[in-house]
Structure formats: structure tokens, C-alpha cells
């Protein structure tokens, strides 16, 4: 599990849904969603939503977003980099860099159901 505070709590992620192709959290069913992304972003900022929360919601279920599989792959690469350099000259901080990257990505994802 990440040592970085998650962008959203498990309770907040439970309120997240995709409606009309947009990721929303706690929006009443009868609320008309903005058609423009910029307008939606301005509403979030105007309501004081933190950037990390906005990032997590914007990336959620997008083809350019992150997945649990991405985190798992980075964690596996981190272990390989740390324990088995394969005789290759590597940056000694590479494993720490991979861990940090995995932690930062994981903080943007919903909690693991396992």
C-alpha cells in the first residue's frame, strides 16, 4: 500500500460513478452535467476541490489513466531492479524511483478490493 495519502477516501470512491461519459462524485441524478470539460473543471475549483482529487477523478476509467495493473508492474520492476541488476550498471536509486512512482499512481486509484 502506498505511503502517500490517497487522493480520495474509500468512502468518497464509493460515491464515484461514470454518468454520460463523465466521472462524477456525489452529484444528484437530476443535476445537468456541464458539456465542456473546462466548465466542469471550473466548478470543481470554485468549490475548493483539491488538485489531487481532481486529478484522480479526471483519470478515473480513462484510456490514458492508470490501473492497478500498472502499480503491480511497477512494484514487480522495483523488486527486480533492487535484487537482480543482471550485471548491468544501474542507477542505485532506480528501485526507490520505481517505488515512488508506484506510490504516487496508487494514490490516484480507488482502493483495492482484495
C-alpha atoms as a PDB file:
ATOM      1  CA  UNK A   1       0.000   0.000   0.000  1.00  0.00           C
ATOM      2  CA  UNK A   2       1.129   3.499  -0.750  1.00  0.00           C
ATOM      3  CA  UNK A   3       2.736   5.703   1.879  1.00  0.00           C
ATOM      4  CA  UNK A   4       1.260   8.713   0.096  1.00  0.00           C
ATOM      5  CA  UNK A   5      -2.180   9.799   1.256  1.00  0.00           C
ATOM      6  CA  UNK A   6      -4.855   8.642  -1.225  1.00  0.00           C
ATOM      7  CA  UNK A   7      -6.456  11.370  -3.317  1.00  0.00           C
ATOM      8  CA  UNK A   8      -9.906  10.162  -2.226  1.00  0.00           C
ATOM      9  CA  UNK A   9     -11.006   8.076   0.739  1.00  0.00           C
ATOM     10  CA  UNK A  10     -12.680   4.689   0.268  1.00  0.00           C
ATOM     11  CA  UNK A  11     -15.979   6.332   1.235  1.00  0.00           C
ATOM     12  CA  UNK A  12     -15.516   9.022  -1.416  1.00  0.00           C
ATOM     13  CA  UNK A  13     -14.591   6.447  -4.088  1.00  0.00           C
ATOM     14  CA  UNK A  14     -17.822   4.590  -3.233  1.00  0.00           C
ATOM     15  CA  UNK A  15     -19.728   7.698  -4.422  1.00  0.00           C
ATOM     16  CA  UNK A  16     -17.874   7.892  -7.754  1.00  0.00           C
ATOM     17  CA  UNK A  17     -19.776   6.937 -10.878  1.00  0.00           C
ATOM     18  CA  UNK A  18     -19.480   7.429 -14.611  1.00  0.00           C
ATOM     19  CA  UNK A  19     -22.519   9.220 -15.989  1.00  0.00           C
ATOM     20  CA  UNK A  20     -22.886  10.214 -19.637  1.00  0.00           C
ATOM     21  CA  UNK A  21     -19.181   9.517 -20.133  1.00  0.00           C
ATOM     22  CA  UNK A  22     -18.160  11.787 -17.264  1.00  0.00           C
ATOM     23  CA  UNK A  23     -16.804  10.744 -13.887  1.00  0.00           C
ATOM     24  CA  UNK A  24     -18.824  12.301 -11.084  1.00  0.00           C
ATOM     25  CA  UNK A  25     -18.879  12.027  -7.315  1.00  0.00           C
ATOM     26  CA  UNK A  26     -21.920  12.753  -5.202  1.00  0.00           C
ATOM     27  CA  UNK A  27     -23.779  14.597  -7.971  1.00  0.00           C
ATOM     28  CA  UNK A  28     -27.587  14.349  -7.715  1.00  0.00           C
ATOM     29  CA  UNK A  29     -29.217  12.358 -10.531  1.00  0.00           C
ATOM     30  CA  UNK A  30     -31.253  15.363 -11.688  1.00  0.00           C
ATOM     31  CA  UNK A  31     -28.200  17.658 -11.953  1.00  0.00           C
ATOM     32  CA  UNK A  32     -27.373  18.575 -15.548  1.00  0.00           C
ATOM     33  CA  UNK A  33     -23.686  17.908 -16.104  1.00  0.00           C
ATOM     34  CA  UNK A  34     -21.609  20.549 -17.905  1.00  0.00           C
ATOM     35  CA  UNK A  35     -20.851  19.642 -21.510  1.00  0.00           C
ATOM     36  CA  UNK A  36     -17.437  21.310 -21.564  1.00  0.00           C
ATOM     37  CA  UNK A  37     -14.545  19.882 -19.584  1.00  0.00           C
ATOM     38  CA  UNK A  38     -13.284  23.389 -18.788  1.00  0.00           C
ATOM     39  CA  UNK A  39     -16.633  24.286 -17.255  1.00  0.00           C
ATOM     40  CA  UNK A  40     -16.615  21.126 -15.126  1.00  0.00           C
ATOM     41  CA  UNK A  41     -13.061  21.893 -14.011  1.00  0.00           C
ATOM     42  CA  UNK A  42     -14.007  25.485 -13.115  1.00  0.00           C
ATOM     43  CA  UNK A  43     -16.896  24.203 -10.986  1.00  0.00           C
ATOM     44  CA  UNK A  44     -14.569  21.857  -9.086  1.00  0.00           C
ATOM     45  CA  UNK A  45     -12.008  24.599  -8.485  1.00  0.00           C
ATOM     46  CA  UNK A  46     -14.715  27.089  -7.463  1.00  0.00           C
ATOM     47  CA  UNK A  47     -15.914  24.616  -4.834  1.00  0.00           C
ATOM     48  CA  UNK A  48     -12.395  24.288  -3.421  1.00  0.00           C
ATOM     49  CA  UNK A  49     -11.750  20.730  -4.587  1.00  0.00           C
ATOM     50  CA  UNK A  50      -8.058  19.889  -4.147  1.00  0.00           C
ATOM     51  CA  UNK A  51      -5.945  19.286  -7.266  1.00  0.00           C
ATOM     52  CA  UNK A  52      -5.120  15.694  -6.247  1.00  0.00           C
ATOM     53  CA  UNK A  53      -8.836  14.892  -6.023  1.00  0.00           C
ATOM     54  CA  UNK A  54      -9.492  16.498  -9.407  1.00  0.00           C
ATOM     55  CA  UNK A  55      -6.600  14.505 -10.925  1.00  0.00           C
ATOM     56  CA  UNK A  56      -7.934  11.215  -9.559  1.00  0.00           C
ATOM     57  CA  UNK A  57     -11.436  11.915 -10.870  1.00  0.00           C
ATOM     58  CA  UNK A  58     -10.183  13.084 -14.284  1.00  0.00           C
ATOM     59  CA  UNK A  59      -8.047   9.958 -14.763  1.00  0.00           C
ATOM     60  CA  UNK A  60     -10.658   7.501 -13.462  1.00  0.00           C
ATOM     61  CA  UNK A  61     -11.589   4.902 -16.103  1.00  0.00           C
ATOM     62  CA  UNK A  62      -9.896   6.862 -18.895  1.00  0.00           C
ATOM     63  CA  UNK A  63      -7.797   5.079 -21.546  1.00  0.00           C
ATOM     64  CA  UNK A  64      -4.906   7.405 -20.651  1.00  0.00           C
ATOM     65  CA  UNK A  65      -5.356   6.874 -16.904  1.00  0.00           C
ATOM     66  CA  UNK A  66      -3.667   4.427 -14.549  1.00  0.00           C
ATOM     67  CA  UNK A  67      -4.694   0.962 -13.383  1.00  0.00           C
ATOM     68  CA  UNK A  68      -3.954  -1.440 -10.532  1.00  0.00           C
ATOM     69  CA  UNK A  69      -2.034  -3.499 -13.108  1.00  0.00           C
ATOM     70  CA  UNK A  70       0.268  -0.514 -13.703  1.00  0.00           C
ATOM     71  CA  UNK A  71       1.039  -0.351  -9.979  1.00  0.00           C
ATOM     72  CA  UNK A  72       1.654  -4.113  -9.824  1.00  0.00           C
ATOM     73  CA  UNK A  73       4.015  -3.951 -12.812  1.00  0.00           C
ATOM     74  CA  UNK A  74       5.970  -1.084 -11.256  1.00  0.00           C
ATOM     75  CA  UNK A  75       6.203  -2.910  -7.929  1.00  0.00           C
ATOM     76  CA  UNK A  76       7.490  -6.038  -9.693  1.00  0.00           C
ATOM     77  CA  UNK A  77      10.032  -3.969 -11.639  1.00  0.00           C
ATOM     78  CA  UNK A  78      11.077  -2.322  -8.370  1.00  0.00           C
ATOM     79  CA  UNK A  79      11.850  -5.750  -6.855  1.00  0.00           C
ATOM     80  CA  UNK A  80      13.755  -6.901  -9.953  1.00  0.00           C
ATOM     81  CA  UNK A  81      15.703  -3.631 -10.064  1.00  0.00           C
ATOM     82  CA  UNK A  82      16.573  -3.913  -6.371  1.00  0.00           C
ATOM     83  CA  UNK A  83      17.503  -7.607  -6.223  1.00  0.00           C
ATOM     84  CA  UNK A  84      18.662  -8.504  -9.727  1.00  0.00           C
ATOM     85  CA  UNK A  85      20.545  -5.954 -11.732  1.00  0.00           C
ATOM     86  CA  UNK A  86      21.570  -8.722 -14.118  1.00  0.00           C
ATOM     87  CA  UNK A  87      25.150  -7.492 -14.209  1.00  0.00           C
ATOM     88  CA  UNK A  88      24.072  -4.212 -15.768  1.00  0.00           C
ATOM     89  CA  UNK A  89      25.251  -0.878 -14.433  1.00  0.00           C
ATOM     90  CA  UNK A  90      22.122   0.704 -12.977  1.00  0.00           C
ATOM     91  CA  UNK A  91      21.251   3.808 -11.065  1.00  0.00           C
ATOM     92  CA  UNK A  92      21.315   2.768  -7.392  1.00  0.00           C
ATOM     93  CA  UNK A  93      18.226   4.880  -6.770  1.00  0.00           C
ATOM     94  CA  UNK A  94      16.203   3.249  -9.573  1.00  0.00           C
ATOM     95  CA  UNK A  95      14.304   0.914  -7.221  1.00  0.00           C
ATOM     96  CA  UNK A  96      13.382   3.872  -4.993  1.00  0.00           C
ATOM     97  CA  UNK A  97      12.263   5.839  -8.037  1.00  0.00           C
ATOM     98  CA  UNK A  98      10.027   2.957  -9.168  1.00  0.00           C
ATOM     99  CA  UNK A  99       8.572   2.649  -5.654  1.00  0.00           C
ATOM    100  CA  UNK A 100       7.853   6.375  -5.539  1.00  0.00           C
ATOM    101  CA  UNK A 101       6.179   6.246  -8.957  1.00  0.00           C
ATOM    102  CA  UNK A 102       4.051   3.251  -7.932  1.00  0.00           C
ATOM    103  CA  UNK A 103       3.064   5.003  -4.678  1.00  0.00           C
ATOM    104  CA  UNK A 104       2.062   8.205  -6.490  1.00  0.00           C
ATOM    105  CA  UNK A 105      -0.013   6.340  -9.075  1.00  0.00           C
ATOM    106  CA  UNK A 106      -1.632   4.167  -6.412  1.00  0.00           C
ATOM    107  CA  UNK A 107      -2.725   7.293  -4.526  1.00  0.00           C
ATOM    108  CA  UNK A 108      -4.813   8.275  -7.584  1.00  0.00           C
ATOM    109  CA  UNK A 109      -6.630   4.912  -7.779  1.00  0.00           C
ATOM    110  CA  UNK A 110      -9.704   3.613  -5.963  1.00  0.00           C
ATOM    111  CA  UNK A 111      -8.888   1.241  -3.086  1.00  0.00           C
ATOM    112  CA  UNK A 112      -8.018  -2.330  -3.996  1.00  0.00           C
ATOM    113  CA  UNK A 113     -10.986  -4.655  -3.397  1.00  0.00           C
ATOM    114  CA  UNK A 114      -8.736  -7.507  -2.264  1.00  0.00           C
END
